[in-house]
Amino acid sequence: MRVNQRRSDIEIIAEMLRIGEQGAAKTKIMYNANMSYSQMKKYLQFLLSHGYLHSVRASNLSVTYQATERGLSLLKSIDSFIEILGLNGD
């Protein structure tokens, strides 16, 4: 059961970390997580500043964002929490 239709900050962070598991550019994160550019910038800054994602320069113009070990640990905790609460859509 879904309490409300809007995603929580935790759900957005988890989605961004999932996308970042394989490494992704800002555009891919924004579209795959279904968020606006301003939302993506806010969450990306949070995840970078807390060490959950780090940037990797793929070329002179290209930067990708990759989940760190700390980020993957957070994602695992979030997924466990969602499962315990039965919020995973089952």
Protein backbone atom coordinates (compact mmCIF):
# COMPACT_ATOMS: atom_id res chain seq x y z
CA MET A 1 0.00 0.00 0.00
CA ARG A 2 1.24 3.42 -0.92
CA VAL A 3 0.49 6.17 1.63
CA ASN A 4 0.82 8.94 -0.95
CA GLN A 5 1.71 9.09 -4.63
CA ARG A 6 4.67 11.43 -4.29
CA ARG A 7 8.09 9.94 -3.78
CA SER A 8 9.93 10.60 -0.57
CA ASP A 9 13.46 11.97 -0.40
CA ILE A 10 14.59 8.47 0.58
CA GLU A 11 13.00 6.91 -2.51
CA ILE A 12 14.62 9.51 -4.78
CA ILE A 13 18.01 9.00 -3.16
CA ALA A 14 17.68 5.22 -3.51
CA GLU A 15 16.77 5.57 -7.18
CA MET A 16 19.75 7.84 -7.85
CA LEU A 17 22.08 5.39 -6.10
CA ARG A 18 20.66 2.50 -8.16
CA ILE A 19 21.31 4.46 -11.35
CA GLY A 20 24.79 5.32 -10.08
CA GLU A 21 25.73 1.70 -9.43
CA GLN A 22 26.95 1.40 -13.03
CA GLY A 23 27.93 5.05 -13.36
CA ALA A 24 25.77 7.63 -15.11
CA ALA A 25 25.89 11.16 -16.45
CA LYS A 26 23.65 13.90 -15.03
CA THR A 27 21.21 13.60 -17.93
CA LYS A 28 20.79 9.86 -17.47
CA ILE A 29 20.24 10.28 -13.73
CA MET A 30 17.71 13.05 -14.32
CA TYR A 31 15.66 11.13 -16.91
CA ASN A 32 15.90 7.67 -15.33
CA ALA A 33 14.94 9.03 -11.91
CA ASN A 34 12.15 11.11 -13.49
CA MET A 35 13.11 14.44 -11.95
CA SER A 36 13.65 18.02 -12.99
CA TYR A 37 17.12 19.45 -13.49
CA SER A 38 16.85 21.56 -10.31
CA GLN A 39 15.76 18.52 -8.27
CA MET A 40 18.58 16.43 -9.68
CA LYS A 41 21.15 19.14 -8.86
CA LYS A 42 19.91 19.36 -5.25
CA TYR A 43 20.02 15.61 -4.65
CA LEU A 44 23.28 15.16 -6.55
CA GLN A 45 24.96 17.82 -4.40
CA PHE A 46 23.70 16.08 -1.25
CA LEU A 47 24.92 12.65 -2.39
CA LEU A 48 28.32 14.00 -3.44
CA SER A 49 28.86 16.06 -0.29
CA HIS A 50 28.06 13.07 1.95
CA GLY A 51 30.26 10.64 0.03
CA TYR A 52 27.46 8.47 -1.39
CA LEU A 53 28.39 9.29 -5.01
CA HIS A 54 31.63 10.46 -6.55
CA SER A 55 32.35 11.98 -9.92
CA VAL A 56 34.52 10.26 -12.50
CA ARG A 57 35.86 12.18 -15.48
CA ALA A 58 35.25 9.90 -18.46
CA SER A 59 36.72 12.35 -21.01
CA ASN A 60 37.54 16.05 -21.28
CA LEU A 61 33.85 16.96 -21.42
CA SER A 62 32.16 13.95 -19.88
CA VAL A 63 31.65 13.33 -16.16
CA THR A 64 29.83 10.34 -14.76
CA TYR A 65 28.65 9.77 -11.22
CA GLN A 66 29.30 6.46 -9.51
CA ALA A 67 27.93 5.12 -6.25
CA THR A 68 30.63 4.68 -3.61
CA GLU A 69 30.87 1.77 -1.17
CA ARG A 70 29.20 4.05 1.35
CA GLY A 71 26.42 4.80 -1.17
CA LEU A 72 25.89 1.11 -1.92
CA SER A 73 25.68 0.40 1.81
CA LEU A 74 23.07 3.15 2.18
CA LEU A 75 21.09 1.72 -0.75
CA LYS A 76 21.13 -1.74 0.83
CA SER A 77 19.86 -0.25 4.11
CA ILE A 78 17.10 1.69 2.36
CA ASP A 79 16.00 -1.41 0.43
CA SER A 80 15.91 -3.43 3.68
CA PHE A 81 13.90 -0.72 5.41
CA ILE A 82 11.37 -0.56 2.55
CA GLU A 83 11.04 -4.35 2.60
CA ILE A 84 10.53 -4.46 6.38
CA LEU A 85 7.79 -1.84 6.14
CA GLY A 86 6.19 -3.63 3.18
CA LEU A 87 6.43 -0.53 1.00
CA ASN A 88 7.98 -2.30 -1.99
CA GLY A 89 4.71 -2.51 -3.90
CA ASP A 90 3.92 -6.13 -3.06
